[in-house]
Amino acid sequence: MAIYTLPELPYDYTALEPVIDPQIVELHHDKHHAAYVKGANDTLEQLEEARDKGSWGSINGLEKNLAFHLSGHILHSIYWHNMTGDGGGEPLAADGVGELGDAIAESFGSFAGFRAQLTKAAATTQGSGWGVLAYEPVSGRLIVEQIYDHQGNVGQGSVPILVFDAWEHAFYLQYKNQKVDFIEAMWNVVNWQDVAKRYTAAKERVGTLLLAP
């Protein structure tokens, strides 16, 4: 059975300053992300025990817990690599990410339109959640999704390639209750090289599998 592990950060705690304070990065990764990894592994063990005993009274809760913790682990694993201290700007051909830039313009009309939509989606999630740029394989286009907690409002089969964490633990120590200010600042650390790689991989790996006979 697969055991999930906490990935190492691709940079040190200070790498995202001044957009994200080192204390936030440390707590967010070492405590919050680690808790999702532990939760996923613990739930897998509980499901194994339920199978061994043929006892399914708690199956609904266990399946919900697995989805919550596993999705949290996956989204955070993307989140760390989506950021870099020398990021920001737009995905441009001169930087080797022109294909992503073209796809954004085609799907949203312009980069400015895309940025406005993802910013608003992330900033207006009800309670805890995420704003996500995802590749939707049936249409072959990019879409923006709002994720509540770690799962809701997600098109089945869509692949997240850029994620903005809008949970309070991602920003509150530094930005207090000003979520919008945090989301706006996030654009200064977007790692377009990473997003472009995820876009290419999503197109190549997902393809038309969802509609295959």
N, C-alpha and C. Protein backbone atom coordinates (compact mmCIF):
# COMPACT_ATOMS: atom_id res chain seq x y z
N MET A 1 0.85 -1.19 0.00
CA MET A 1 0.00 0.00 0.00
C MET A 1 0.88 1.24 0.00
N ALA A 2 0.54 2.22 -0.80
CA ALA A 2 1.33 3.44 -0.90
C ALA A 2 1.33 4.19 0.43
N ILE A 3 2.49 4.67 0.81
CA ILE A 3 2.62 5.51 1.99
C ILE A 3 3.04 6.89 1.53
N TYR A 4 2.30 7.88 1.96
CA TYR A 4 2.57 9.24 1.55
C TYR A 4 3.63 9.86 2.45
N THR A 5 4.50 10.68 1.87
CA THR A 5 5.57 11.32 2.63
C THR A 5 5.56 12.82 2.36
N LEU A 6 6.03 13.58 3.33
CA LEU A 6 6.10 15.03 3.19
C LEU A 6 7.28 15.38 2.30
N PRO A 7 7.04 16.05 1.17
CA PRO A 7 8.15 16.43 0.29
C PRO A 7 8.96 17.56 0.90
N GLU A 8 10.24 17.59 0.59
CA GLU A 8 11.07 18.70 1.05
C GLU A 8 10.73 19.96 0.25
N LEU A 9 10.88 21.10 0.89
CA LEU A 9 10.69 22.36 0.18
C LEU A 9 11.78 22.51 -0.88
N PRO A 10 11.46 23.09 -2.04
CA PRO A 10 12.46 23.30 -3.08
C PRO A 10 13.32 24.53 -2.84
N TYR A 11 13.19 25.16 -1.66
CA TYR A 11 13.94 26.37 -1.30
C TYR A 11 13.94 26.47 0.21
N ASP A 12 14.69 27.42 0.77
CA ASP A 12 14.68 27.58 2.22
C ASP A 12 13.50 28.46 2.65
N TYR A 13 13.30 28.58 3.95
CA TYR A 13 12.14 29.29 4.48
C TYR A 13 12.11 30.76 4.09
N THR A 14 13.27 31.35 3.81
CA THR A 14 13.33 32.78 3.52
C THR A 14 13.16 33.10 2.04
N ALA A 15 13.06 32.10 1.19
CA ALA A 15 13.14 32.30 -0.26
C ALA A 15 12.00 33.13 -0.84
N LEU A 16 10.85 33.17 -0.17
CA LEU A 16 9.69 33.86 -0.74
C LEU A 16 9.46 35.23 -0.13
N GLU A 17 10.39 35.71 0.68
CA GLU A 17 10.26 37.05 1.23
C GLU A 17 10.34 38.10 0.12
N PRO A 18 9.67 39.23 0.24
CA PRO A 18 8.80 39.65 1.35
C PRO A 18 7.34 39.21 1.16
N VAL A 19 7.05 38.45 0.10
CA VAL A 19 5.66 38.07 -0.16
C VAL A 19 5.13 37.15 0.94
N ILE A 20 5.93 36.17 1.32
CA ILE A 20 5.52 35.24 2.38
C ILE A 20 6.62 35.17 3.42
N ASP A 21 6.28 35.45 4.65
CA ASP A 21 7.22 35.46 5.77
C ASP A 21 7.78 34.07 6.03
N PRO A 22 9.06 33.95 6.39
CA PRO A 22 9.66 32.63 6.66
C PRO A 22 8.91 31.83 7.72
N GLN A 23 8.38 32.50 8.73
CA GLN A 23 7.65 31.78 9.78
C GLN A 23 6.41 31.09 9.21
N ILE A 24 5.74 31.77 8.27
CA ILE A 24 4.56 31.18 7.65
C ILE A 24 4.96 29.96 6.83
N VAL A 25 6.03 30.09 6.03
CA VAL A 25 6.47 28.96 5.21
C VAL A 25 6.81 27.76 6.08
N GLU A 26 7.51 28.00 7.18
CA GLU A 26 7.91 26.90 8.07
C GLU A 26 6.69 26.23 8.69
N LEU A 27 5.80 27.01 9.26
CA LEU A 27 4.62 26.44 9.89
C LEU A 27 3.71 25.76 8.88
N HIS A 28 3.54 26.40 7.74
CA HIS A 28 2.65 25.88 6.70
C HIS A 28 3.14 24.53 6.20
N HIS A 29 4.42 24.43 5.91
CA HIS A 29 4.98 23.18 5.40
C HIS A 29 5.16 22.14 6.49
N ASP A 30 5.85 22.50 7.55
CA ASP A 30 6.27 21.53 8.56
C ASP A 30 5.13 21.07 9.46
N LYS A 31 4.11 21.88 9.62
CA LYS A 31 3.00 21.52 10.50
C LYS A 31 1.73 21.18 9.71
N HIS A 32 1.24 22.14 8.91
CA HIS A 32 -0.04 21.93 8.24
C HIS A 32 0.06 20.86 7.14
N HIS A 33 1.04 21.02 6.23
CA HIS A 33 1.17 20.02 5.18
C HIS A 33 1.48 18.65 5.78
N ALA A 34 2.33 18.62 6.78
CA ALA A 34 2.68 17.35 7.43
C ALA A 34 1.43 16.69 8.03
N ALA A 35 0.51 17.50 8.54
CA ALA A 35 -0.71 16.94 9.13
C ALA A 35 -1.57 16.26 8.07
N TYR A 36 -1.60 16.79 6.85
CA TYR A 36 -2.37 16.15 5.79
C TYR A 36 -1.74 14.82 5.38
N VAL A 37 -0.43 14.79 5.34
CA VAL A 37 0.27 13.53 5.01
C VAL A 37 -0.04 12.48 6.07
N LYS A 38 0.06 12.85 7.33
CA LYS A 38 -0.24 11.91 8.41
C LYS A 38 -1.70 11.48 8.37
N GLY A 39 -2.59 12.43 8.09
CA GLY A 39 -4.01 12.10 8.04
C GLY A 39 -4.32 11.11 6.94
N ALA A 40 -3.69 11.27 5.77
CA ALA A 40 -3.92 10.34 4.68
C ALA A 40 -3.42 8.94 5.03
N ASN A 41 -2.22 8.86 5.60
CA ASN A 41 -1.67 7.56 5.98
C ASN A 41 -2.50 6.90 7.08
N ASP A 42 -2.92 7.68 8.07
CA ASP A 42 -3.73 7.12 9.16
C ASP A 42 -5.06 6.59 8.62
N THR A 43 -5.66 7.32 7.68
CA THR A 43 -6.94 6.89 7.13
C THR A 43 -6.79 5.62 6.31
N LEU A 44 -5.70 5.49 5.57
CA LEU A 44 -5.45 4.25 4.83
C LEU A 44 -5.35 3.06 5.78
N GLU A 45 -4.70 3.26 6.91
CA GLU A 45 -4.61 2.18 7.90
C GLU A 45 -5.98 1.83 8.45
N GLN A 46 -6.81 2.83 8.70
CA GLN A 46 -8.15 2.58 9.22
C GLN A 46 -9.02 1.86 8.19
N LEU A 47 -8.84 2.20 6.92
CA LEU A 47 -9.58 1.50 5.87
C LEU A 47 -9.13 0.05 5.75
N GLU A 48 -7.84 -0.17 5.90
CA GLU A 48 -7.33 -1.55 5.87
C GLU A 48 -7.92 -2.37 7.02
N GLU A 49 -7.99 -1.75 8.18
CA GLU A 49 -8.58 -2.43 9.34
C GLU A 49 -10.05 -2.73 9.11
N ALA A 50 -10.76 -1.78 8.51
CA ALA A 50 -12.18 -1.99 8.22
C ALA A 50 -12.37 -3.15 7.24
N ARG A 51 -11.50 -3.25 6.24
CA ARG A 51 -11.58 -4.37 5.29
C ARG A 51 -11.32 -5.70 5.97
N ASP A 52 -10.29 -5.71 6.82
CA ASP A 52 -9.93 -6.95 7.51
C ASP A 52 -11.07 -7.46 8.40
N LYS A 53 -11.77 -6.53 9.02
CA LYS A 53 -12.84 -6.89 9.94
C LYS A 53 -14.20 -6.98 9.26
N GLY A 54 -14.26 -6.50 8.01
CA GLY A 54 -15.56 -6.45 7.34
C GLY A 54 -16.52 -5.53 8.06
N SER A 55 -15.97 -4.47 8.67
CA SER A 55 -16.77 -3.54 9.45
C SER A 55 -16.82 -2.20 8.71
N TRP A 56 -18.01 -1.88 8.19
CA TRP A 56 -18.11 -0.72 7.32
C TRP A 56 -18.99 0.40 7.89
N GLY A 57 -19.19 0.40 9.19
CA GLY A 57 -20.05 1.42 9.79
C GLY A 57 -19.52 2.84 9.65
N SER A 58 -18.20 2.97 9.53
CA SER A 58 -17.60 4.31 9.44
C SER A 58 -17.09 4.63 8.04
N ILE A 59 -17.54 3.89 7.02
CA ILE A 59 -16.99 4.04 5.68
C ILE A 59 -17.17 5.45 5.13
N ASN A 60 -18.33 6.08 5.36
CA ASN A 60 -18.54 7.42 4.82
C ASN A 60 -17.54 8.42 5.38
N GLY A 61 -17.32 8.35 6.68
CA GLY A 61 -16.37 9.26 7.31
C GLY A 61 -14.94 9.00 6.86
N LEU A 62 -14.59 7.71 6.72
CA LEU A 62 -13.23 7.37 6.30
C LEU A 62 -12.96 7.82 4.87
N GLU A 63 -13.91 7.62 3.97
CA GLU A 63 -13.71 8.05 2.59
C GLU A 63 -13.59 9.57 2.51
N LYS A 64 -14.40 10.27 3.30
CA LYS A 64 -14.33 11.73 3.32
C LYS A 64 -12.98 12.19 3.86
N ASN A 65 -12.50 11.54 4.93
CA ASN A 65 -11.21 11.90 5.50
C ASN A 65 -10.07 11.65 4.52
N LEU A 66 -10.14 10.53 3.79
CA LEU A 66 -9.08 10.24 2.84
C LEU A 66 -9.04 11.30 1.74
N ALA A 67 -10.21 11.67 1.22
CA ALA A 67 -10.27 12.69 0.18
C ALA A 67 -9.74 14.02 0.70
N PHE A 68 -10.10 14.39 1.92
CA PHE A 68 -9.66 15.66 2.49
C PHE A 68 -8.15 15.70 2.65
N HIS A 69 -7.58 14.69 3.30
CA HIS A 69 -6.15 14.71 3.59
C HIS A 69 -5.31 14.48 2.34
N LEU A 70 -5.73 13.57 1.48
CA LEU A 70 -4.96 13.31 0.27
C LEU A 70 -4.98 14.51 -0.66
N SER A 71 -6.15 15.13 -0.83
CA SER A 71 -6.23 16.32 -1.66
C SER A 71 -5.39 17.45 -1.07
N GLY A 72 -5.40 17.58 0.25
CA GLY A 72 -4.56 18.60 0.89
C GLY A 72 -3.09 18.35 0.62
N HIS A 73 -2.67 17.11 0.69
CA HIS A 73 -1.27 16.75 0.40
C HIS A 73 -0.91 17.08 -1.05
N ILE A 74 -1.76 16.71 -1.98
CA ILE A 74 -1.48 16.94 -3.40
C ILE A 74 -1.45 18.43 -3.72
N LEU A 75 -2.43 19.17 -3.25
CA LEU A 75 -2.48 20.60 -3.55
C LEU A 75 -1.28 21.34 -2.97
N HIS A 76 -0.90 20.99 -1.74
CA HIS A 76 0.27 21.65 -1.15
C HIS A 76 1.55 21.26 -1.87
N SER A 77 1.65 20.02 -2.34
CA SER A 77 2.84 19.60 -3.08
C SER A 77 3.00 20.42 -4.36
N ILE A 78 1.88 20.75 -5.00
CA ILE A 78 1.92 21.62 -6.18
C ILE A 78 2.26 23.05 -5.77
N TYR A 79 1.64 23.51 -4.70
CA TYR A 79 1.77 24.88 -4.22
C TYR A 79 3.22 25.29 -4.02
N TRP A 80 4.00 24.46 -3.35
CA TRP A 80 5.39 24.83 -3.05
C TRP A 80 6.18 25.03 -4.34
N HIS A 81 5.98 24.18 -5.31
CA HIS A 81 6.75 24.28 -6.56
C HIS A 81 6.20 25.36 -7.49
N ASN A 82 4.96 25.78 -7.27
CA ASN A 82 4.37 26.85 -8.07
C ASN A 82 4.98 28.22 -7.74
N MET A 83 5.82 28.28 -6.70
CA MET A 83 6.35 29.56 -6.25
C MET A 83 7.87 29.58 -6.32
N THR A 84 8.40 30.78 -6.57
CA THR A 84 9.84 31.00 -6.56
C THR A 84 10.10 32.45 -6.20
N GLY A 85 11.21 32.70 -5.54
CA GLY A 85 11.53 34.05 -5.10
C GLY A 85 11.78 35.01 -6.24
N ASP A 86 12.15 34.51 -7.41
CA ASP A 86 12.38 35.39 -8.56
C ASP A 86 11.34 35.17 -9.64
N GLY A 87 10.10 34.92 -9.21
CA GLY A 87 9.02 34.66 -10.15
C GLY A 87 8.21 35.90 -10.45
N GLY A 88 6.98 35.69 -10.84
CA GLY A 88 6.06 36.78 -11.15
C GLY A 88 6.02 37.12 -12.62
N GLY A 89 5.40 38.23 -12.94
CA GLY A 89 5.25 38.65 -14.33
C GLY A 89 4.22 37.82 -15.07
N GLU A 90 4.44 37.64 -16.38
CA GLU A 90 3.56 36.86 -17.23
C GLU A 90 4.35 35.75 -17.91
N PRO A 91 3.68 34.67 -18.32
CA PRO A 91 4.36 33.61 -19.08
C PRO A 91 4.61 34.06 -20.51
N LEU A 92 5.86 34.34 -20.84
CA LEU A 92 6.21 34.90 -22.13
C LEU A 92 7.07 33.95 -22.94
N ALA A 93 7.00 34.10 -24.27
CA ALA A 93 7.80 33.25 -25.15
C ALA A 93 9.29 33.43 -24.90
N ALA A 94 9.70 34.65 -24.58
CA ALA A 94 11.11 34.94 -24.33
C ALA A 94 11.65 34.16 -23.15
N ASP A 95 10.77 33.74 -22.25
CA ASP A 95 11.17 32.97 -21.07
C ASP A 95 10.96 31.48 -21.26
N GLY A 96 10.60 31.08 -22.48
CA GLY A 96 10.40 29.66 -22.76
C GLY A 96 9.06 29.11 -22.33
N VAL A 97 8.13 29.97 -21.98
CA VAL A 97 6.81 29.51 -21.53
C VAL A 97 5.70 30.12 -22.38
N GLY A 98 6.02 30.39 -23.63
CA GLY A 98 5.06 31.02 -24.53
C GLY A 98 3.84 30.18 -24.81
N GLU A 99 4.01 28.85 -24.86
CA GLU A 99 2.86 27.97 -25.12
C GLU A 99 1.81 28.11 -24.03
N LEU A 100 2.26 28.19 -22.79
CA LEU A 100 1.33 28.40 -21.68
C LEU A 100 0.65 29.75 -21.80
N GLY A 101 1.43 30.79 -22.13
CA GLY A 101 0.85 32.11 -22.30
C GLY A 101 -0.20 32.14 -23.39
N ASP A 102 0.06 31.44 -24.49
CA ASP A 102 -0.91 31.38 -25.59
C ASP A 102 -2.18 30.66 -25.13
N ALA A 103 -2.01 29.58 -24.37
CA ALA A 103 -3.17 28.82 -23.90
C ALA A 103 -4.02 29.66 -22.95
N ILE A 104 -3.37 30.45 -22.09
CA ILE A 104 -4.10 31.33 -21.19
C ILE A 104 -4.89 32.37 -21.98
N ALA A 105 -4.25 32.98 -22.97
CA ALA A 105 -4.94 33.99 -23.79
C ALA A 105 -6.12 33.38 -24.54
N GLU A 106 -5.94 32.17 -25.05
CA GLU A 106 -7.02 31.52 -25.80
C GLU A 106 -8.19 31.15 -24.89
N SER A 107 -7.88 30.70 -23.68
CA SER A 107 -8.93 30.23 -22.77
C SER A 107 -9.65 31.35 -22.05
N PHE A 108 -8.94 32.47 -21.81
CA PHE A 108 -9.53 33.55 -21.00
C PHE A 108 -9.60 34.89 -21.72
N GLY A 109 -9.15 34.94 -22.95
CA GLY A 109 -9.21 36.19 -23.70
C GLY A 109 -7.96 37.03 -23.58
N SER A 110 -7.35 37.02 -22.41
CA SER A 110 -6.12 37.77 -22.17
C SER A 110 -5.54 37.32 -20.84
N PHE A 111 -4.26 37.64 -20.62
CA PHE A 111 -3.66 37.33 -19.32
C PHE A 111 -4.34 38.15 -18.24
N ALA A 112 -4.64 39.41 -18.54
CA ALA A 112 -5.30 40.26 -17.54
C ALA A 112 -6.65 39.69 -17.12
N GLY A 113 -7.41 39.15 -18.08
CA GLY A 113 -8.69 38.54 -17.76
C GLY A 113 -8.52 37.31 -16.90
N PHE A 114 -7.52 36.49 -17.22
CA PHE A 114 -7.23 35.31 -16.42
C PHE A 114 -6.83 35.69 -15.01
N ARG A 115 -5.92 36.66 -14.89
CA ARG A 115 -5.45 37.07 -13.57
C ARG A 115 -6.60 37.57 -12.71
N ALA A 116 -7.47 38.37 -13.30
CA ALA A 116 -8.61 38.90 -12.55
C ALA A 116 -9.53 37.77 -12.08
N GLN A 117 -9.77 36.78 -12.93
CA GLN A 117 -10.67 35.68 -12.57
C GLN A 117 -10.08 34.82 -11.47
N LEU A 118 -8.79 34.45 -11.59
CA LEU A 118 -8.19 33.60 -10.56
C LEU A 118 -8.06 34.36 -9.24
N THR A 119 -7.73 35.64 -9.31
CA THR A 119 -7.65 36.44 -8.09
C THR A 119 -8.99 36.47 -7.37
N LYS A 120 -10.05 36.73 -8.12
CA LYS A 120 -11.38 36.81 -7.51
C LYS A 120 -11.83 35.44 -7.00
N ALA A 121 -11.54 34.38 -7.75
CA ALA A 121 -11.93 33.03 -7.31
C ALA A 121 -11.24 32.67 -6.00
N ALA A 122 -9.95 32.98 -5.89
CA ALA A 122 -9.22 32.64 -4.68
C ALA A 122 -9.67 33.50 -3.50
N ALA A 123 -9.90 34.78 -3.77
CA ALA A 123 -10.22 35.72 -2.69
C ALA A 123 -11.62 35.56 -2.15
N THR A 124 -12.52 34.96 -2.92
CA THR A 124 -13.92 34.87 -2.51
C THR A 124 -14.35 33.45 -2.15
N THR A 125 -13.41 32.53 -2.00
CA THR A 125 -13.79 31.20 -1.52
C THR A 125 -14.47 31.34 -0.17
N GLN A 126 -15.55 30.63 0.02
CA GLN A 126 -16.30 30.72 1.27
C GLN A 126 -15.60 29.86 2.32
N GLY A 127 -15.10 30.51 3.36
CA GLY A 127 -14.36 29.78 4.38
C GLY A 127 -12.96 29.47 3.88
N SER A 128 -12.54 28.22 4.03
CA SER A 128 -11.21 27.80 3.63
C SER A 128 -11.24 27.21 2.23
N GLY A 129 -10.18 27.46 1.45
CA GLY A 129 -10.17 26.89 0.11
C GLY A 129 -9.02 27.37 -0.73
N TRP A 130 -9.16 27.18 -2.04
CA TRP A 130 -8.11 27.48 -3.00
C TRP A 130 -8.70 28.09 -4.26
N GLY A 131 -7.89 28.88 -4.96
CA GLY A 131 -8.17 29.26 -6.33
C GLY A 131 -7.21 28.48 -7.21
N VAL A 132 -7.71 27.88 -8.29
CA VAL A 132 -6.90 26.94 -9.07
C VAL A 132 -7.04 27.20 -10.57
N LEU A 133 -5.90 27.19 -11.25
CA LEU A 133 -5.88 27.11 -12.71
C LEU A 133 -5.68 25.65 -13.05
N ALA A 134 -6.60 25.09 -13.87
CA ALA A 134 -6.56 23.66 -14.17
C ALA A 134 -6.69 23.42 -15.65
N TYR A 135 -6.11 22.32 -16.10
CA TYR A 135 -6.28 21.87 -17.48
C TYR A 135 -7.47 20.93 -17.53
N GLU A 136 -8.43 21.27 -18.39
CA GLU A 136 -9.64 20.45 -18.53
C GLU A 136 -9.50 19.63 -19.80
N PRO A 137 -9.32 18.31 -19.69
CA PRO A 137 -8.92 17.50 -20.84
C PRO A 137 -10.00 17.24 -21.88
N VAL A 138 -11.26 17.33 -21.53
CA VAL A 138 -12.31 17.05 -22.51
C VAL A 138 -12.34 18.16 -23.57
N SER A 139 -12.23 19.40 -23.14
CA SER A 139 -12.23 20.52 -24.08
C SER A 139 -10.81 20.91 -24.51
N GLY A 140 -9.81 20.46 -23.73
CA GLY A 140 -8.44 20.83 -24.02
C GLY A 140 -8.12 22.28 -23.71
N ARG A 141 -8.89 22.87 -22.79
CA ARG A 141 -8.68 24.27 -22.45
C ARG A 141 -8.34 24.41 -20.97
N LEU A 142 -7.94 25.60 -20.59
CA LEU A 142 -7.67 25.91 -19.19
C LEU A 142 -8.92 26.50 -18.55
N ILE A 143 -9.16 26.17 -17.29
CA ILE A 143 -10.29 26.72 -16.55
C ILE A 143 -9.82 27.14 -15.17
N VAL A 144 -10.57 28.04 -14.55
CA VAL A 144 -10.33 28.42 -13.16
C VAL A 144 -11.38 27.74 -12.30
N GLU A 145 -10.94 27.19 -11.18
CA GLU A 145 -11.84 26.50 -10.26
C GLU A 145 -11.72 27.09 -8.86
N GLN A 146 -12.81 27.06 -8.12
CA GLN A 146 -12.81 27.35 -6.69
C GLN A 146 -12.86 26.02 -5.95
N ILE A 147 -11.94 25.83 -5.03
CA ILE A 147 -11.94 24.60 -4.24
C ILE A 147 -12.27 24.97 -2.81
N TYR A 148 -13.33 24.37 -2.28
CA TYR A 148 -13.70 24.58 -0.89
C TYR A 148 -13.05 23.48 -0.05
N ASP A 149 -12.37 23.89 1.04
CA ASP A 149 -11.50 22.98 1.78
C ASP A 149 -10.48 22.43 0.78
N HIS A 150 -10.60 21.17 0.38
CA HIS A 150 -9.66 20.60 -0.59
C HIS A 150 -10.34 19.92 -1.77
N GLN A 151 -11.68 19.97 -1.87
CA GLN A 151 -12.33 19.18 -2.91
C GLN A 151 -13.41 19.87 -3.73
N GLY A 152 -14.25 20.70 -3.14
CA GLY A 152 -15.47 21.12 -3.80
C GLY A 152 -15.31 21.97 -5.05
N ASN A 153 -16.33 21.97 -5.89
CA ASN A 153 -16.40 22.77 -7.12
C ASN A 153 -15.27 22.44 -8.09
N VAL A 154 -14.95 21.17 -8.23
CA VAL A 154 -13.88 20.73 -9.11
C VAL A 154 -14.48 19.93 -10.27
N GLY A 155 -14.11 20.30 -11.49
CA GLY A 155 -14.54 19.52 -12.64
C GLY A 155 -13.82 18.18 -12.66
N GLN A 156 -14.55 17.10 -12.71
CA GLN A 156 -13.94 15.78 -12.68
C GLN A 156 -12.94 15.60 -13.83
N GLY A 157 -11.76 15.15 -13.50
CA GLY A 157 -10.73 14.91 -14.50
C GLY A 157 -9.83 16.10 -14.77
N SER A 158 -10.19 17.29 -14.28
CA SER A 158 -9.34 18.45 -14.49
C SER A 158 -8.07 18.31 -13.67
N VAL A 159 -6.98 18.86 -14.19
CA VAL A 159 -5.66 18.71 -13.57
C VAL A 159 -5.16 20.07 -13.09
N PRO A 160 -4.96 20.26 -11.78
CA PRO A 160 -4.48 21.55 -11.29
C PRO A 160 -3.03 21.78 -11.70
N ILE A 161 -2.76 23.00 -12.22
CA ILE A 161 -1.39 23.32 -12.60
C ILE A 161 -0.87 24.56 -11.88
N LEU A 162 -1.77 25.39 -11.36
CA LEU A 162 -1.38 26.55 -10.55
C LEU A 162 -2.39 26.70 -9.43
N VAL A 163 -1.92 26.71 -8.19
CA VAL A 163 -2.84 26.76 -7.05
C VAL A 163 -2.48 27.91 -6.13
N PHE A 164 -3.50 28.67 -5.72
CA PHE A 164 -3.35 29.74 -4.74
C PHE A 164 -4.05 29.28 -3.46
N ASP A 165 -3.29 29.11 -2.39
CA ASP A 165 -3.84 28.66 -1.12
C ASP A 165 -4.50 29.85 -0.42
N ALA A 166 -5.80 29.75 -0.19
CA ALA A 166 -6.54 30.82 0.46
C ALA A 166 -7.00 30.45 1.86
N TRP A 167 -6.42 29.37 2.44
CA TRP A 167 -6.68 29.06 3.84
C TRP A 167 -6.00 30.12 4.71
N GLU A 168 -6.57 30.43 5.84
CA GLU A 168 -5.99 31.47 6.70
C GLU A 168 -4.57 31.13 7.15
N HIS A 169 -4.26 29.84 7.32
CA HIS A 169 -2.91 29.52 7.80
C HIS A 169 -1.85 29.87 6.77
N ALA A 170 -2.25 30.12 5.52
CA ALA A 170 -1.29 30.47 4.47
C ALA A 170 -0.85 31.92 4.55
N PHE A 171 -1.61 32.77 5.28
CA PHE A 171 -1.30 34.20 5.22
C PHE A 171 -1.55 34.98 6.49
N TYR A 172 -2.30 34.44 7.47
CA TYR A 172 -2.85 35.29 8.54
C TYR A 172 -1.77 35.93 9.41
N LEU A 173 -0.68 35.23 9.69
CA LEU A 173 0.37 35.81 10.54
C LEU A 173 0.95 37.08 9.93
N GLN A 174 0.91 37.20 8.63
CA GLN A 174 1.51 38.35 7.94
C GLN A 174 0.47 39.33 7.42
N TYR A 175 -0.61 38.82 6.85
CA TYR A 175 -1.60 39.69 6.21
C TYR A 175 -2.87 39.88 7.04
N LYS A 176 -2.91 39.26 8.22
CA LYS A 176 -4.09 39.33 9.08
C LYS A 176 -5.33 38.87 8.30
N ASN A 177 -6.39 39.69 8.29
CA ASN A 177 -7.62 39.28 7.59
C ASN A 177 -7.70 39.83 6.17
N GLN A 178 -6.58 40.31 5.64
CA GLN A 178 -6.59 40.90 4.30
C GLN A 178 -6.22 39.84 3.25
N LYS A 179 -7.15 38.93 3.03
CA LYS A 179 -6.90 37.85 2.07
C LYS A 179 -6.61 38.37 0.67
N VAL A 180 -7.34 39.40 0.27
CA VAL A 180 -7.16 39.95 -1.08
C VAL A 180 -5.74 40.46 -1.27
N ASP A 181 -5.16 41.10 -0.24
CA ASP A 181 -3.79 41.60 -0.34
C ASP A 181 -2.81 40.44 -0.52
N PHE A 182 -3.06 39.33 0.16
CA PHE A 182 -2.19 38.17 0.02
C PHE A 182 -2.28 37.59 -1.39
N ILE A 183 -3.49 37.45 -1.91
CA ILE A 183 -3.67 36.90 -3.25
C ILE A 183 -2.98 37.78 -4.28
N GLU A 184 -3.12 39.09 -4.16
CA GLU A 184 -2.46 40.00 -5.10
C GLU A 184 -0.94 39.85 -5.01
N ALA A 185 -0.42 39.69 -3.81
CA ALA A 185 1.03 39.55 -3.63
C ALA A 185 1.53 38.23 -4.21
N MET A 186 0.68 37.22 -4.20
CA MET A 186 1.09 35.90 -4.71
C MET A 186 1.55 35.96 -6.16
N TRP A 187 1.00 36.88 -6.94
CA TRP A 187 1.38 36.97 -8.35
C TRP A 187 2.86 37.31 -8.53
N ASN A 188 3.49 37.84 -7.48
CA ASN A 188 4.90 38.20 -7.57
C ASN A 188 5.85 37.02 -7.38
N VAL A 189 5.32 35.87 -7.00
CA VAL A 189 6.18 34.71 -6.78
C VAL A 189 5.77 33.51 -7.63
N VAL A 190 4.86 33.70 -8.59
CA VAL A 190 4.43 32.57 -9.43
C VAL A 190 5.62 32.07 -10.26
N ASN A 191 5.84 30.78 -10.21
CA ASN A 191 6.91 30.12 -10.97
C ASN A 191 6.32 29.62 -12.29
N TRP A 192 6.38 30.47 -13.33
CA TRP A 192 5.76 30.11 -14.60
C TRP A 192 6.44 28.93 -15.26
N GLN A 193 7.71 28.72 -14.98
CA GLN A 193 8.41 27.56 -15.53
C GLN A 193 7.76 26.27 -15.01
N ASP A 194 7.45 26.24 -13.73
CA ASP A 194 6.81 25.07 -13.15
C ASP A 194 5.40 24.89 -13.68
N VAL A 195 4.64 25.99 -13.77
CA VAL A 195 3.27 25.90 -14.27
C VAL A 195 3.27 25.40 -15.70
N ALA A 196 4.21 25.88 -16.52
CA ALA A 196 4.28 25.46 -17.92
C ALA A 196 4.59 23.97 -18.04
N LYS A 197 5.48 23.47 -17.19
CA LYS A 197 5.79 22.04 -17.21
C LYS A 197 4.56 21.21 -16.84
N ARG A 198 3.79 21.70 -15.88
CA ARG A 198 2.58 20.97 -15.47
C ARG A 198 1.53 21.01 -16.58
N TYR A 199 1.45 22.11 -17.29
CA TYR A 199 0.51 22.22 -18.40
C TYR A 199 0.86 21.23 -19.50
N THR A 200 2.14 21.18 -19.86
CA THR A 200 2.58 20.24 -20.90
C THR A 200 2.34 18.80 -20.48
N ALA A 201 2.68 18.49 -19.23
CA ALA A 201 2.50 17.12 -18.74
C ALA A 201 1.03 16.73 -18.70
N ALA A 202 0.16 17.66 -18.31
CA ALA A 202 -1.28 17.37 -18.26
C ALA A 202 -1.81 17.05 -19.64
N LYS A 203 -1.40 17.82 -20.63
CA LYS A 203 -1.87 17.57 -22.00
C LYS A 203 -1.40 16.21 -22.51
N GLU A 204 -0.16 15.86 -22.22
CA GLU A 204 0.42 14.64 -22.75
C GLU A 204 -0.10 13.39 -22.04
N ARG A 205 -0.33 13.49 -20.74
CA ARG A 205 -0.67 12.31 -19.96
C ARG A 205 -2.16 12.04 -19.89
N VAL A 206 -2.96 13.11 -19.86
CA VAL A 206 -4.39 12.91 -19.70
C VAL A 206 -5.05 12.62 -21.06
N GLY A 207 -4.72 13.45 -22.05
CA GLY A 207 -5.24 13.24 -23.41
C GLY A 207 -6.75 13.09 -23.42
N THR A 208 -7.23 12.07 -24.13
CA THR A 208 -8.67 11.83 -24.25
C THR A 208 -9.12 10.61 -23.46
N LEU A 209 -8.39 10.27 -22.42
CA LEU A 209 -8.71 9.07 -21.64
C LEU A 209 -10.11 9.10 -21.07
N LEU A 210 -10.57 10.29 -20.67
CA LEU A 210 -11.89 10.37 -20.03
C LEU A 210 -13.01 9.94 -20.97
N LEU A 211 -12.84 10.16 -22.25
CA LEU A 211 -13.89 9.85 -23.21
C LEU A 211 -13.60 8.59 -24.02
N ALA A 212 -12.52 7.87 -23.66
CA ALA A 212 -12.14 6.67 -24.39
C ALA A 212 -13.18 5.58 -24.11
N PRO A 213 -13.46 4.71 -25.10
CA PRO A 213 -14.44 3.65 -24.87
C PRO A 213 -13.87 2.57 -23.95
